[in-house]
Amino acid sequence: MRAIGQHSSKTPEWGSAARIVVLARAVIGEIDVDPASSEKWNRVVGARRFIAKRENGLRTAWVPGAPAPHQLVAKRRVAQAARHTAFLNPPGNKTGTLVAGFWRALATYHELGWIGSAVYVGFSVEQLARLQRVGAPSHPLEHVTLVPSRRLHYSVRPGVAGEQPGHASFVTLLSTSRAEVDRFVLLGAELGHVTLGDRHRGRR
């Protein structure tokens, strides 16, 4: 689980590009939870609930009634209530374990029905290679993924874009809604190439 396309070594904290938040809201509507955020960055995402660093999004349940991420394997409960929406731009670290843990949690919550629709921001295309080896129930390319034709400029503070990263990123939609997939394909095509993963080929 090492070196999962890490964020800048200067800081693990980069705000999501505003155009990606706009895309997410246009596709999945209101965002119920951002499990890796802060009061500052939630001004951009606007999630109903966010989980800050001090709460630890890998040890705090993302939605009511669900197991915490570190309990998902032992307490593998399928959701009985309404599904929730999520937006996730995971923090990075030098070993890549944070990105691995957050993707694994999101993919598992989605598989079990706790998260019905989610938009995941991959800090680097390198993650597409490395996330194959983290023990998650699915990979971004099994879903619907956008690779922007131009580099996304992450925010250094709300409303102000920085120069990072110096490489390509990607954005993945996890959803079983055909309408949401269609909207993501249509709107994402304005930013770059969108590919349908194995879970969606043949359904359109």
N, C-alpha and C. Protein backbone atom coordinates (compact mmCIF):
# COMPACT_ATOMS: atom_id res chain seq x y z
N MET A 1 0.81 -1.19 0.00
CA MET A 1 0.00 0.00 0.00
C MET A 1 0.86 1.26 0.00
N ARG A 2 2.08 1.15 -0.46
CA ARG A 2 2.97 2.30 -0.42
C ARG A 2 2.90 3.10 -1.71
N ALA A 3 3.24 4.37 -1.59
CA ALA A 3 3.40 5.26 -2.76
C ALA A 3 2.19 5.27 -3.67
N ILE A 4 1.03 5.57 -3.10
CA ILE A 4 -0.19 5.57 -3.90
C ILE A 4 -0.39 6.96 -4.54
N GLY A 5 0.53 7.38 -5.37
CA GLY A 5 0.38 8.66 -6.04
C GLY A 5 0.23 9.79 -5.04
N GLN A 6 1.23 10.00 -4.20
CA GLN A 6 1.12 10.90 -3.07
C GLN A 6 0.87 12.35 -3.49
N HIS A 7 0.37 13.11 -2.51
CA HIS A 7 0.25 14.55 -2.68
C HIS A 7 1.64 15.17 -2.51
N SER A 8 1.72 16.47 -2.68
CA SER A 8 2.97 17.18 -2.49
C SER A 8 3.53 16.90 -1.11
N SER A 9 4.84 16.77 -1.02
CA SER A 9 5.47 16.50 0.27
C SER A 9 5.38 17.71 1.20
N LYS A 10 5.09 18.90 0.64
CA LYS A 10 4.98 20.09 1.47
C LYS A 10 3.75 20.05 2.35
N THR A 11 2.67 19.50 1.85
CA THR A 11 1.43 19.44 2.61
C THR A 11 0.53 18.35 2.03
N PRO A 12 -0.25 17.63 2.88
CA PRO A 12 -1.20 16.65 2.37
C PRO A 12 -2.52 17.30 1.99
N GLU A 13 -2.63 18.62 2.19
CA GLU A 13 -3.92 19.29 2.08
C GLU A 13 -3.98 20.16 0.84
N TRP A 14 -4.81 19.75 -0.11
CA TRP A 14 -5.06 20.55 -1.31
C TRP A 14 -6.55 20.55 -1.55
N GLY A 15 -7.14 21.74 -1.69
CA GLY A 15 -8.57 21.82 -1.92
C GLY A 15 -8.94 21.40 -3.33
N SER A 16 -10.13 20.87 -3.47
CA SER A 16 -10.59 20.40 -4.78
C SER A 16 -10.80 21.56 -5.73
N ALA A 17 -10.51 21.33 -7.00
CA ALA A 17 -10.76 22.33 -8.02
C ALA A 17 -12.26 22.63 -8.06
N ALA A 18 -12.62 23.90 -8.10
CA ALA A 18 -14.03 24.30 -8.03
C ALA A 18 -14.85 23.67 -9.15
N ARG A 19 -14.27 23.53 -10.33
CA ARG A 19 -15.04 22.98 -11.46
C ARG A 19 -15.41 21.52 -11.24
N ILE A 20 -14.60 20.80 -10.42
CA ILE A 20 -14.94 19.41 -10.13
C ILE A 20 -16.07 19.33 -9.11
N VAL A 21 -16.08 20.25 -8.16
CA VAL A 21 -17.20 20.31 -7.21
C VAL A 21 -18.49 20.64 -7.95
N VAL A 22 -18.42 21.57 -8.88
CA VAL A 22 -19.60 21.92 -9.69
C VAL A 22 -20.08 20.70 -10.47
N LEU A 23 -19.14 19.96 -11.06
CA LEU A 23 -19.50 18.74 -11.80
C LEU A 23 -20.17 17.73 -10.86
N ALA A 24 -19.60 17.53 -9.69
CA ALA A 24 -20.15 16.56 -8.74
C ALA A 24 -21.58 16.91 -8.37
N ARG A 25 -21.83 18.17 -8.06
CA ARG A 25 -23.17 18.59 -7.67
C ARG A 25 -24.16 18.47 -8.83
N ALA A 26 -23.70 18.75 -10.03
CA ALA A 26 -24.58 18.63 -11.20
C ALA A 26 -24.96 17.18 -11.46
N VAL A 27 -24.09 16.25 -11.06
CA VAL A 27 -24.33 14.83 -11.32
C VAL A 27 -25.10 14.15 -10.19
N ILE A 28 -24.64 14.32 -8.93
CA ILE A 28 -25.25 13.58 -7.82
C ILE A 28 -26.11 14.45 -6.92
N GLY A 29 -26.18 15.74 -7.17
CA GLY A 29 -27.02 16.62 -6.37
C GLY A 29 -26.35 17.01 -5.06
N GLU A 30 -27.14 17.13 -4.02
CA GLU A 30 -26.61 17.51 -2.71
C GLU A 30 -25.61 16.46 -2.21
N ILE A 31 -24.58 16.93 -1.55
CA ILE A 31 -23.55 16.03 -1.03
C ILE A 31 -23.78 15.82 0.46
N ASP A 32 -24.02 14.58 0.85
CA ASP A 32 -24.30 14.29 2.25
C ASP A 32 -23.05 14.33 3.12
N VAL A 33 -21.95 13.79 2.61
CA VAL A 33 -20.75 13.70 3.46
C VAL A 33 -19.48 13.88 2.65
N ASP A 34 -18.55 14.62 3.24
CA ASP A 34 -17.18 14.71 2.74
C ASP A 34 -16.32 14.17 3.89
N PRO A 35 -15.82 12.95 3.76
CA PRO A 35 -15.15 12.29 4.89
C PRO A 35 -13.70 12.71 5.12
N ALA A 36 -13.18 13.62 4.32
CA ALA A 36 -11.79 14.05 4.49
C ALA A 36 -11.71 15.55 4.20
N SER A 37 -12.21 16.35 5.12
CA SER A 37 -12.32 17.77 4.85
C SER A 37 -12.06 18.59 6.12
N SER A 38 -12.48 19.82 6.08
CA SER A 38 -12.36 20.73 7.21
C SER A 38 -13.39 21.82 7.02
N GLU A 39 -13.58 22.64 8.04
CA GLU A 39 -14.55 23.73 7.91
C GLU A 39 -14.16 24.64 6.75
N LYS A 40 -12.86 24.89 6.60
CA LYS A 40 -12.38 25.75 5.50
C LYS A 40 -12.74 25.17 4.15
N TRP A 41 -12.39 23.92 3.92
CA TRP A 41 -12.60 23.34 2.60
C TRP A 41 -14.05 22.99 2.34
N ASN A 42 -14.82 22.80 3.39
CA ASN A 42 -16.23 22.51 3.16
C ASN A 42 -17.00 23.73 2.67
N ARG A 43 -16.40 24.90 2.77
CA ARG A 43 -17.02 26.07 2.17
C ARG A 43 -17.09 25.93 0.65
N VAL A 44 -16.15 25.15 0.10
CA VAL A 44 -16.12 24.90 -1.35
C VAL A 44 -17.05 23.73 -1.70
N VAL A 45 -16.93 22.63 -0.96
CA VAL A 45 -17.71 21.42 -1.27
C VAL A 45 -19.17 21.57 -0.85
N GLY A 46 -19.40 22.16 0.31
CA GLY A 46 -20.77 22.37 0.77
C GLY A 46 -21.50 21.10 1.17
N ALA A 47 -20.77 20.12 1.73
CA ALA A 47 -21.42 18.89 2.17
C ALA A 47 -22.26 19.15 3.43
N ARG A 48 -23.33 18.39 3.58
CA ARG A 48 -24.15 18.53 4.78
C ARG A 48 -23.34 18.18 6.03
N ARG A 49 -22.40 17.25 5.88
CA ARG A 49 -21.55 16.86 7.00
C ARG A 49 -20.15 16.63 6.46
N PHE A 50 -19.15 17.06 7.22
CA PHE A 50 -17.78 16.74 6.85
C PHE A 50 -17.08 16.15 8.06
N ILE A 51 -16.07 15.32 7.79
CA ILE A 51 -15.28 14.70 8.85
C ILE A 51 -13.90 15.32 8.80
N ALA A 52 -13.53 15.99 9.88
CA ALA A 52 -12.26 16.69 9.94
C ALA A 52 -11.13 15.75 10.35
N LYS A 53 -9.91 16.23 10.20
CA LYS A 53 -8.72 15.43 10.51
C LYS A 53 -8.74 14.90 11.93
N ARG A 54 -9.17 15.74 12.89
CA ARG A 54 -9.16 15.31 14.29
C ARG A 54 -10.14 14.16 14.56
N GLU A 55 -11.17 14.04 13.71
CA GLU A 55 -12.14 12.94 13.87
C GLU A 55 -11.66 11.66 13.19
N ASN A 56 -10.77 11.80 12.24
CA ASN A 56 -10.18 10.68 11.51
C ASN A 56 -11.23 9.93 10.68
N GLY A 57 -11.33 10.30 9.42
CA GLY A 57 -12.31 9.68 8.53
C GLY A 57 -12.11 8.21 8.26
N LEU A 58 -10.98 7.65 8.72
CA LEU A 58 -10.77 6.20 8.58
C LEU A 58 -11.21 5.44 9.82
N ARG A 59 -11.61 6.17 10.86
CA ARG A 59 -12.06 5.53 12.10
C ARG A 59 -13.41 6.07 12.58
N THR A 60 -14.04 6.92 11.77
CA THR A 60 -15.35 7.48 12.09
C THR A 60 -16.33 7.09 11.00
N ALA A 61 -17.49 6.57 11.39
CA ALA A 61 -18.51 6.17 10.41
C ALA A 61 -18.90 7.37 9.56
N TRP A 62 -19.02 7.15 8.26
CA TRP A 62 -19.32 8.25 7.36
C TRP A 62 -20.79 8.62 7.37
N VAL A 63 -21.66 7.62 7.56
CA VAL A 63 -23.10 7.87 7.53
C VAL A 63 -23.76 7.18 8.71
N PRO A 64 -24.92 7.65 9.16
CA PRO A 64 -25.58 7.06 10.32
C PRO A 64 -25.87 5.57 10.15
N GLY A 65 -25.55 4.81 11.19
CA GLY A 65 -25.84 3.37 11.18
C GLY A 65 -24.78 2.50 10.56
N ALA A 66 -23.83 3.10 9.86
CA ALA A 66 -22.80 2.31 9.17
C ALA A 66 -21.64 2.02 10.11
N PRO A 67 -20.93 0.92 9.88
CA PRO A 67 -19.69 0.69 10.63
C PRO A 67 -18.65 1.72 10.24
N ALA A 68 -17.71 1.98 11.12
CA ALA A 68 -16.58 2.84 10.78
C ALA A 68 -15.71 2.11 9.75
N PRO A 69 -14.94 2.83 8.94
CA PRO A 69 -14.12 2.17 7.92
C PRO A 69 -13.25 1.04 8.45
N HIS A 70 -12.65 1.19 9.62
CA HIS A 70 -11.76 0.14 10.13
C HIS A 70 -12.54 -1.07 10.63
N GLN A 71 -13.89 -0.98 10.65
CA GLN A 71 -14.73 -2.10 11.08
C GLN A 71 -15.49 -2.74 9.93
N LEU A 72 -15.30 -2.24 8.72
CA LEU A 72 -16.12 -2.69 7.60
C LEU A 72 -15.95 -4.16 7.27
N VAL A 73 -14.76 -4.69 7.46
CA VAL A 73 -14.53 -6.11 7.15
C VAL A 73 -15.17 -6.99 8.22
N ALA A 74 -14.96 -6.66 9.49
CA ALA A 74 -15.50 -7.47 10.58
C ALA A 74 -17.01 -7.31 10.71
N LYS A 75 -17.52 -6.11 10.47
CA LYS A 75 -18.96 -5.82 10.59
C LYS A 75 -19.51 -5.46 9.23
N ARG A 76 -19.53 -6.42 8.35
CA ARG A 76 -19.90 -6.19 6.96
C ARG A 76 -21.43 -6.15 6.82
N ARG A 77 -22.02 -5.02 7.20
CA ARG A 77 -23.47 -4.88 7.19
C ARG A 77 -23.92 -4.14 5.93
N VAL A 78 -24.93 -4.71 5.28
CA VAL A 78 -25.50 -4.06 4.11
C VAL A 78 -26.48 -3.00 4.58
N ALA A 79 -26.49 -1.87 3.90
CA ALA A 79 -27.35 -0.76 4.30
C ALA A 79 -28.82 -1.13 4.14
N GLN A 80 -29.62 -0.74 5.11
CA GLN A 80 -31.05 -0.94 5.05
C GLN A 80 -31.79 0.37 4.80
N ALA A 81 -31.14 1.49 5.12
CA ALA A 81 -31.76 2.81 4.97
C ALA A 81 -31.46 3.40 3.59
N ALA A 82 -31.89 4.64 3.40
CA ALA A 82 -31.65 5.33 2.13
C ALA A 82 -30.15 5.50 1.91
N ARG A 83 -29.74 5.43 0.67
CA ARG A 83 -28.33 5.59 0.34
C ARG A 83 -27.95 7.06 0.39
N HIS A 84 -26.68 7.30 0.70
CA HIS A 84 -26.17 8.66 0.85
C HIS A 84 -25.23 9.00 -0.31
N THR A 85 -24.92 10.29 -0.43
CA THR A 85 -23.98 10.76 -1.44
C THR A 85 -22.71 11.24 -0.76
N ALA A 86 -21.60 11.14 -1.46
CA ALA A 86 -20.31 11.53 -0.88
C ALA A 86 -19.43 12.20 -1.92
N PHE A 87 -18.55 13.04 -1.43
CA PHE A 87 -17.50 13.66 -2.25
C PHE A 87 -16.20 13.41 -1.52
N LEU A 88 -15.21 12.86 -2.21
CA LEU A 88 -13.96 12.51 -1.54
C LEU A 88 -12.74 12.93 -2.35
N ASN A 89 -11.97 13.82 -1.77
CA ASN A 89 -10.64 14.18 -2.26
C ASN A 89 -9.70 13.80 -1.11
N PRO A 90 -9.18 12.58 -1.10
CA PRO A 90 -8.46 12.10 0.08
C PRO A 90 -7.14 12.81 0.32
N PRO A 91 -6.74 12.91 1.57
CA PRO A 91 -5.44 13.50 1.89
C PRO A 91 -4.33 12.53 1.51
N GLY A 92 -3.17 13.05 1.25
CA GLY A 92 -2.04 12.20 0.91
C GLY A 92 -1.01 12.17 2.02
N ASN A 93 -0.14 11.19 1.96
CA ASN A 93 1.04 11.13 2.82
C ASN A 93 2.15 10.43 2.06
N LYS A 94 3.34 10.41 2.62
CA LYS A 94 4.50 9.89 1.89
C LYS A 94 4.39 8.41 1.59
N THR A 95 3.71 7.65 2.43
CA THR A 95 3.59 6.20 2.20
C THR A 95 2.41 5.85 1.31
N GLY A 96 1.46 6.77 1.14
CA GLY A 96 0.29 6.47 0.33
C GLY A 96 -0.79 5.72 1.07
N THR A 97 -0.62 5.47 2.36
CA THR A 97 -1.61 4.67 3.09
C THR A 97 -2.93 5.40 3.27
N LEU A 98 -2.90 6.73 3.33
CA LEU A 98 -4.15 7.46 3.49
C LEU A 98 -5.03 7.33 2.25
N VAL A 99 -4.44 7.52 1.09
CA VAL A 99 -5.20 7.38 -0.15
C VAL A 99 -5.75 5.96 -0.27
N ALA A 100 -4.93 4.97 0.02
CA ALA A 100 -5.37 3.57 -0.05
C ALA A 100 -6.54 3.33 0.88
N GLY A 101 -6.41 3.80 2.12
CA GLY A 101 -7.45 3.57 3.12
C GLY A 101 -8.76 4.25 2.76
N PHE A 102 -8.68 5.48 2.27
CA PHE A 102 -9.91 6.20 1.93
C PHE A 102 -10.58 5.60 0.70
N TRP A 103 -9.81 5.20 -0.32
CA TRP A 103 -10.44 4.57 -1.48
C TRP A 103 -11.07 3.24 -1.07
N ARG A 104 -10.38 2.46 -0.29
CA ARG A 104 -10.92 1.16 0.15
C ARG A 104 -12.23 1.35 0.92
N ALA A 105 -12.26 2.36 1.79
CA ALA A 105 -13.47 2.65 2.55
C ALA A 105 -14.62 3.07 1.64
N LEU A 106 -14.34 3.99 0.70
CA LEU A 106 -15.39 4.46 -0.19
C LEU A 106 -15.94 3.33 -1.05
N ALA A 107 -15.05 2.53 -1.63
CA ALA A 107 -15.49 1.44 -2.50
C ALA A 107 -16.31 0.41 -1.72
N THR A 108 -15.95 0.18 -0.47
CA THR A 108 -16.69 -0.79 0.35
C THR A 108 -18.04 -0.23 0.78
N TYR A 109 -18.07 1.02 1.21
CA TYR A 109 -19.35 1.65 1.55
C TYR A 109 -20.30 1.63 0.35
N HIS A 110 -19.76 1.87 -0.83
CA HIS A 110 -20.59 1.85 -2.04
C HIS A 110 -21.09 0.44 -2.34
N GLU A 111 -20.21 -0.54 -2.21
CA GLU A 111 -20.59 -1.92 -2.48
C GLU A 111 -21.70 -2.39 -1.54
N LEU A 112 -21.64 -1.94 -0.28
CA LEU A 112 -22.63 -2.36 0.72
C LEU A 112 -23.88 -1.50 0.73
N GLY A 113 -23.89 -0.45 -0.08
CA GLY A 113 -25.10 0.37 -0.21
C GLY A 113 -25.19 1.55 0.72
N TRP A 114 -24.20 1.77 1.57
CA TRP A 114 -24.24 2.92 2.46
C TRP A 114 -24.04 4.22 1.69
N ILE A 115 -23.18 4.18 0.71
CA ILE A 115 -22.96 5.32 -0.18
C ILE A 115 -23.50 4.94 -1.55
N GLY A 116 -24.59 5.58 -1.94
CA GLY A 116 -25.20 5.23 -3.22
C GLY A 116 -24.50 5.87 -4.40
N SER A 117 -24.08 7.12 -4.22
CA SER A 117 -23.40 7.85 -5.29
C SER A 117 -22.25 8.65 -4.69
N ALA A 118 -21.13 8.68 -5.39
CA ALA A 118 -19.98 9.41 -4.88
C ALA A 118 -19.10 9.88 -6.02
N VAL A 119 -18.42 10.99 -5.78
CA VAL A 119 -17.40 11.48 -6.70
C VAL A 119 -16.07 11.45 -5.96
N TYR A 120 -15.10 10.80 -6.57
CA TYR A 120 -13.77 10.63 -5.99
C TYR A 120 -12.75 11.38 -6.85
N VAL A 121 -11.91 12.18 -6.20
CA VAL A 121 -10.89 12.93 -6.91
C VAL A 121 -9.54 12.25 -6.71
N GLY A 122 -8.96 11.75 -7.79
CA GLY A 122 -7.65 11.12 -7.74
C GLY A 122 -6.57 12.15 -8.01
N PHE A 123 -5.65 12.32 -7.07
CA PHE A 123 -4.65 13.38 -7.18
C PHE A 123 -3.68 13.16 -8.34
N SER A 124 -3.47 11.91 -8.73
CA SER A 124 -2.57 11.64 -9.85
C SER A 124 -3.03 10.38 -10.59
N VAL A 125 -2.74 10.34 -11.87
CA VAL A 125 -3.07 9.16 -12.67
C VAL A 125 -2.30 7.95 -12.17
N GLU A 126 -1.17 8.19 -11.50
CA GLU A 126 -0.39 7.10 -10.90
C GLU A 126 -1.25 6.25 -9.96
N GLN A 127 -2.23 6.87 -9.32
CA GLN A 127 -3.10 6.13 -8.42
C GLN A 127 -3.84 4.99 -9.14
N LEU A 128 -4.13 5.19 -10.42
CA LEU A 128 -4.86 4.15 -11.15
C LEU A 128 -4.08 2.85 -11.19
N ALA A 129 -2.78 2.95 -11.22
CA ALA A 129 -1.96 1.74 -11.16
C ALA A 129 -1.92 1.18 -9.75
N ARG A 130 -1.63 2.05 -8.78
CA ARG A 130 -1.41 1.59 -7.42
C ARG A 130 -2.67 1.14 -6.70
N LEU A 131 -3.83 1.72 -7.02
CA LEU A 131 -5.06 1.33 -6.33
C LEU A 131 -5.54 -0.07 -6.70
N GLN A 132 -4.86 -0.70 -7.63
CA GLN A 132 -5.17 -2.09 -7.94
C GLN A 132 -4.66 -3.04 -6.84
N ARG A 133 -3.82 -2.52 -5.94
CA ARG A 133 -3.14 -3.39 -5.00
C ARG A 133 -3.43 -3.04 -3.54
N VAL A 134 -4.62 -2.50 -3.27
CA VAL A 134 -4.90 -2.07 -1.90
C VAL A 134 -6.03 -2.88 -1.24
N GLY A 135 -6.50 -3.92 -1.90
CA GLY A 135 -7.51 -4.78 -1.30
C GLY A 135 -8.92 -4.20 -1.31
N ALA A 136 -9.18 -3.23 -2.18
CA ALA A 136 -10.52 -2.65 -2.28
C ALA A 136 -11.42 -3.55 -3.12
N PRO A 137 -12.74 -3.49 -2.91
CA PRO A 137 -13.65 -4.34 -3.68
C PRO A 137 -13.81 -3.92 -5.14
N SER A 138 -13.36 -2.72 -5.47
CA SER A 138 -13.41 -2.27 -6.86
C SER A 138 -12.29 -1.26 -7.10
N HIS A 139 -12.07 -0.97 -8.36
CA HIS A 139 -11.03 -0.04 -8.80
C HIS A 139 -11.71 1.12 -9.52
N PRO A 140 -11.15 2.32 -9.50
CA PRO A 140 -11.79 3.44 -10.19
C PRO A 140 -12.20 3.14 -11.63
N LEU A 141 -11.36 2.42 -12.36
CA LEU A 141 -11.67 2.16 -13.77
C LEU A 141 -12.78 1.14 -13.97
N GLU A 142 -13.26 0.52 -12.89
CA GLU A 142 -14.45 -0.32 -13.00
C GLU A 142 -15.71 0.54 -12.99
N HIS A 143 -15.57 1.77 -12.58
CA HIS A 143 -16.70 2.70 -12.51
C HIS A 143 -16.66 3.62 -13.73
N VAL A 144 -16.94 4.89 -13.58
CA VAL A 144 -16.90 5.84 -14.69
C VAL A 144 -15.86 6.89 -14.35
N THR A 145 -14.87 7.06 -15.19
CA THR A 145 -13.73 7.91 -14.83
C THR A 145 -13.44 8.96 -15.90
N LEU A 146 -13.22 10.16 -15.42
CA LEU A 146 -12.86 11.30 -16.27
C LEU A 146 -11.37 11.59 -16.10
N VAL A 147 -10.67 11.71 -17.22
CA VAL A 147 -9.29 12.20 -17.21
C VAL A 147 -9.30 13.55 -17.92
N PRO A 148 -9.23 14.64 -17.18
CA PRO A 148 -9.28 15.97 -17.80
C PRO A 148 -8.16 16.15 -18.83
N SER A 149 -8.45 16.87 -19.90
CA SER A 149 -7.44 17.10 -20.94
C SER A 149 -6.39 18.11 -20.50
N ARG A 150 -6.69 18.87 -19.46
CA ARG A 150 -5.73 19.80 -18.89
C ARG A 150 -5.59 19.54 -17.39
N ARG A 151 -4.44 19.83 -16.84
CA ARG A 151 -4.21 19.60 -15.42
C ARG A 151 -5.19 20.41 -14.57
N LEU A 152 -5.71 19.76 -13.55
CA LEU A 152 -6.55 20.46 -12.58
C LEU A 152 -5.64 21.25 -11.64
N HIS A 153 -6.02 22.46 -11.33
CA HIS A 153 -5.25 23.26 -10.38
C HIS A 153 -5.99 23.23 -9.05
N TYR A 154 -5.44 22.53 -8.09
CA TYR A 154 -6.06 22.42 -6.78
C TYR A 154 -5.96 23.76 -6.05
N SER A 155 -6.83 23.96 -5.08
CA SER A 155 -6.88 25.22 -4.36
C SER A 155 -5.90 25.26 -3.19
N VAL A 156 -5.29 26.42 -3.00
CA VAL A 156 -4.44 26.62 -1.83
C VAL A 156 -5.26 27.18 -0.68
N ARG A 157 -6.35 27.85 -1.02
CA ARG A 157 -7.36 28.26 -0.05
C ARG A 157 -8.65 28.46 -0.83
N PRO A 158 -9.80 28.44 -0.17
CA PRO A 158 -11.07 28.54 -0.91
C PRO A 158 -11.10 29.73 -1.85
N GLY A 159 -11.38 29.44 -3.11
CA GLY A 159 -11.48 30.49 -4.12
C GLY A 159 -10.19 30.86 -4.79
N VAL A 160 -9.07 30.28 -4.36
CA VAL A 160 -7.77 30.62 -4.94
C VAL A 160 -7.08 29.34 -5.42
N ALA A 161 -6.89 29.22 -6.73
CA ALA A 161 -6.24 28.04 -7.30
C ALA A 161 -4.73 28.18 -7.23
N GLY A 162 -4.04 27.08 -6.92
CA GLY A 162 -2.59 27.08 -6.88
C GLY A 162 -2.00 26.53 -8.16
N GLU A 163 -0.72 26.27 -8.15
CA GLU A 163 -0.04 25.74 -9.33
C GLU A 163 0.09 24.22 -9.28
N GLN A 164 -0.31 23.61 -8.18
CA GLN A 164 -0.20 22.16 -8.04
C GLN A 164 -1.48 21.49 -8.53
N PRO A 165 -1.43 20.23 -8.92
CA PRO A 165 -0.21 19.45 -9.05
C PRO A 165 0.43 19.65 -10.42
N GLY A 166 1.66 19.18 -10.56
CA GLY A 166 2.35 19.28 -11.83
C GLY A 166 2.14 18.05 -12.68
N HIS A 167 1.02 17.39 -12.52
CA HIS A 167 0.73 16.15 -13.25
C HIS A 167 -0.77 16.02 -13.43
N ALA A 168 -1.19 15.02 -14.19
CA ALA A 168 -2.61 14.81 -14.46
C ALA A 168 -3.33 14.19 -13.26
N SER A 169 -4.60 14.51 -13.14
CA SER A 169 -5.47 13.93 -12.11
C SER A 169 -6.59 13.16 -12.80
N PHE A 170 -7.48 12.57 -12.00
CA PHE A 170 -8.66 11.93 -12.56
C PHE A 170 -9.82 12.08 -11.59
N VAL A 171 -11.02 11.88 -12.09
CA VAL A 171 -12.23 12.00 -11.28
C VAL A 171 -13.11 10.80 -11.59
N THR A 172 -13.55 10.10 -10.55
CA THR A 172 -14.35 8.89 -10.73
C THR A 172 -15.73 9.05 -10.11
N LEU A 173 -16.75 8.60 -10.83
CA LEU A 173 -18.11 8.54 -10.31
C LEU A 173 -18.44 7.11 -9.93
N LEU A 174 -18.88 6.90 -8.71
CA LEU A 174 -19.39 5.62 -8.27
C LEU A 174 -20.90 5.77 -8.16
N SER A 175 -21.64 5.07 -9.00
CA SER A 175 -23.10 5.21 -9.00
C SER A 175 -23.72 4.04 -9.75
N THR A 176 -24.92 3.65 -9.31
CA THR A 176 -25.69 2.64 -10.03
C THR A 176 -26.83 3.29 -10.81
N SER A 177 -26.91 4.62 -10.76
CA SER A 177 -27.97 5.35 -11.45
C SER A 177 -27.57 5.64 -12.89
N ARG A 178 -28.35 5.15 -13.82
CA ARG A 178 -28.05 5.40 -15.23
C ARG A 178 -28.11 6.89 -15.54
N ALA A 179 -29.07 7.59 -14.92
CA ALA A 179 -29.20 9.03 -15.16
C ALA A 179 -27.95 9.77 -14.69
N GLU A 180 -27.41 9.38 -13.52
CA GLU A 180 -26.20 10.03 -13.03
C GLU A 180 -25.01 9.73 -13.92
N VAL A 181 -24.91 8.49 -14.37
CA VAL A 181 -23.81 8.12 -15.27
C VAL A 181 -23.91 8.93 -16.56
N ASP A 182 -25.11 9.04 -17.11
CA ASP A 182 -25.29 9.80 -18.35
C ASP A 182 -24.89 11.27 -18.16
N ARG A 183 -25.28 11.85 -17.03
CA ARG A 183 -24.92 13.25 -16.77
C ARG A 183 -23.41 13.41 -16.63
N PHE A 184 -22.77 12.45 -15.95
CA PHE A 184 -21.32 12.53 -15.77
C PHE A 184 -20.61 12.43 -17.11
N VAL A 185 -21.06 11.53 -17.96
CA VAL A 185 -20.45 11.36 -19.29
C VAL A 185 -20.62 12.65 -20.10
N LEU A 186 -21.83 13.20 -20.09
CA LEU A 186 -22.13 14.40 -20.88
C LEU A 186 -21.33 15.61 -20.37
N LEU A 187 -21.40 15.87 -19.07
CA LEU A 187 -20.73 17.05 -18.52
C LEU A 187 -19.22 16.86 -18.41
N GLY A 188 -18.80 15.64 -18.11
CA GLY A 188 -17.37 15.37 -18.00
C GLY A 188 -16.66 15.51 -19.33
N ALA A 189 -17.38 15.23 -20.43
CA ALA A 189 -16.78 15.33 -21.76
C ALA A 189 -16.36 16.76 -22.09
N GLU A 190 -16.92 17.74 -21.37
CA GLU A 190 -16.51 19.13 -21.58
C GLU A 190 -15.13 19.40 -20.99
N LEU A 191 -14.68 18.49 -20.10
CA LEU A 191 -13.39 18.67 -19.44
C LEU A 191 -12.30 17.73 -19.96
N GLY A 192 -12.71 16.61 -20.54
CA GLY A 192 -11.73 15.64 -21.02
C GLY A 192 -12.38 14.34 -21.44
N HIS A 193 -11.63 13.26 -21.39
CA HIS A 193 -12.13 11.96 -21.83
C HIS A 193 -12.77 11.20 -20.67
N VAL A 194 -13.94 10.65 -20.91
CA VAL A 194 -14.65 9.86 -19.90
C VAL A 194 -14.72 8.42 -20.38
N THR A 195 -14.32 7.51 -19.51
CA THR A 195 -14.36 6.10 -19.87
C THR A 195 -15.34 5.35 -18.98
N LEU A 196 -16.13 4.45 -19.58
CA LEU A 196 -17.05 3.61 -18.82
C LEU A 196 -16.32 2.37 -18.37
N GLY A 197 -16.40 2.07 -17.09
CA GLY A 197 -15.76 0.87 -16.57
C GLY A 197 -16.59 -0.37 -16.81
N ASP A 198 -16.04 -1.51 -16.38
CA ASP A 198 -16.69 -2.80 -16.61
C ASP A 198 -18.10 -2.87 -16.03
N ARG A 199 -18.34 -2.15 -14.95
CA ARG A 199 -19.65 -2.20 -14.31
C ARG A 199 -20.73 -1.50 -15.12
N HIS A 200 -20.35 -0.77 -16.14
CA HIS A 200 -21.33 0.01 -16.90
C HIS A 200 -21.36 -0.32 -18.39
N ARG A 201 -20.36 -1.00 -18.89
CA ARG A 201 -20.37 -1.34 -20.30
C ARG A 201 -21.54 -2.29 -20.60
N GLY A 202 -22.23 -2.02 -21.68
CA GLY A 202 -23.34 -2.87 -22.07
C GLY A 202 -24.65 -2.48 -21.42
N ARG A 203 -24.64 -1.54 -20.47
CA ARG A 203 -25.88 -1.12 -19.83
C ARG A 203 -26.52 0.07 -20.50
N ARG A 204 -25.75 0.73 -21.36
CA ARG A 204 -26.24 1.99 -21.96
C ARG A 204 -27.03 1.72 -23.23
